[in-house]
Amino acid sequence: MRIICTQENLNKGLGIASHIASRNVTLPILNNVLIKASDGMIKLMATNLEMGISAVIRGKVESEGEFTIQARLIAEYINLLPRENVELSLEGDNLNIKCGNYKTFIKGMAAGDFPLIPEIEKNNEVIMDAGDFKKAISQVMFAVTLDEARPEISGIYFSFSGKTLTMVGTDSYRLAEKKVNLKNGATEDKNIIVPLKTVQEVYRILSDDVGNEISLFVNDNQILFRFNGEVELISRLIEGQYPDYQQILPENSKTQAKVNVNDFMRVIKSASLFCKPGINDVKLAISGDKKSVIVASLNSSVGENVVNVEAEITGEDNEAVFNFRYLLDGLNNLDTADVSLELISGNAPGVLKSAGDNSYLYVIMPIRQ
C-alpha cells in the first residue's frame, strides 16, 4: 500500500474516524483505525462494535492495500505535521509516514482481524438540512441520561411521519421534544430509539464542515447517517418500547407567562445561590396583578432571595417549585428571545415553549412540597 494525500485531508478524516475507536484490552484491534486504499479511493474506518464509521478522503492511490494503526496515535501525530503532502507506505508491520522534513514509522496490525462494519440497504432515504438537525440534537440530547435499568430512555426517540421527524429525550424528571422538517418526507411512518452516544457522535461530526444535508437510512435494528456522501456512521438501535410520553404532556394550562429569556435566566441564577443543597428548589409564583413571575428561594443557613421578573400574564395566578438546573437547561435551549411558561398547578408538569415557535417544547416535573 502506498498513498499520497494532503495533511489537511488526512487530518480531517482521522479526526472524524478515530474518535470512536475504543480503548479495548480484550480486543486491541478496536483501538485501531483501518486505512484502506482501493479503487482509487482512500477510506478510513473505525468501530467500537456498537457504532462503525467510515470516511473517504481525497488523495492518490499509487498501490492498493489495507492496514490498521493505533487511532489516537496517528491522529495526534498527523495533526502536528505541516500542511504539505503526506506519503503513507506499508512495509511489513510498519506504516511509514513522510511529510516535509518529518519521517517516521508506526507499528500496526494486519487488517484481517479488523471487525467487519455492517452494511445497510440504502432504501427509503430521509434527507434533512444539516444545520437544522444539529440544532435539534442540541435541544434534545441534554435531557437524556444513561440508565442501565431503563435502556429504552438511554437514547433519543425518533418518530418519522410524513415530512416531520419528532425527536424526544427524557430522564423521567424532564422531557424535551423537537420537530424537524424533512426535505423529502419519510416513505413510511417509523419509530426508533437511537443510542445517546450515537447521537452525540453525529453532533460532533456535524460540527465539522460535512455539507449542507444529512441522509438517514433505517432498518429493523440499525440506522445509518450519511454526511456529504463521504462520511457514514452506522449504529445499532436500542430495542424496547419508548414510554408513551404523550400521556404526560399537558393538554392545556391554567396560567401562561411570557418572559424575556435572558432576564428569566439571570433571576433564576441569582435564586440558585440560595437554594437548599441537593434539592436545588426555586419557587415560581405567577401574579396577574403584579404582571410578573416572582422567583424565590430560601436556605435557612444562608438567606432568602425574592425577585420579580416582568411578564405578560394570561389566566389565573399560579405557583410551582422546580429544580433550577432543569429550568436553566430548558431556557438555554430555546431559540427565541421570549419564553412561554405554562402551569396547571404545583403538582402538575410545567411547560416551557419558545414564544412563537411550536416546534419545540420542554416539560419539567415539579418538586412536590
Foldseek 3Di string as FASTA:
>chain_A
DKWKDWLVQVLLQLVLAQPAQDPDPVDNLSQKWKWWDDPQWTKIWHDPPQKIKIFITHTGDPDTDMFIFRSVVVSVVSVPAPGAMWMWDDDPQWIWIDDVVDTDIGGGGGPPPRDDDDDDDPPQKWKAFLVQLLLQLLLALVAADCDPVCNLQQFWKWWFDFQKTWIKHHPVFKIKIFIGGIPHTGPDIDIFTAHSVQSVSSSVSSVDPQDGMWMWDDDDFKIWIDTVNGMIMMGGTDDDDHPPCVVQDDPAFQKKKKAFLVQVLVLLVVQQVAADPPAQKWKWKQDPVVQWTWIKHHDPVPGIDIDTGHIHMDGDIAMAMFRSVLVNSNSVSADARMWMWGHHYRQGWIKIDRVPDPRMIMTGGTDDD
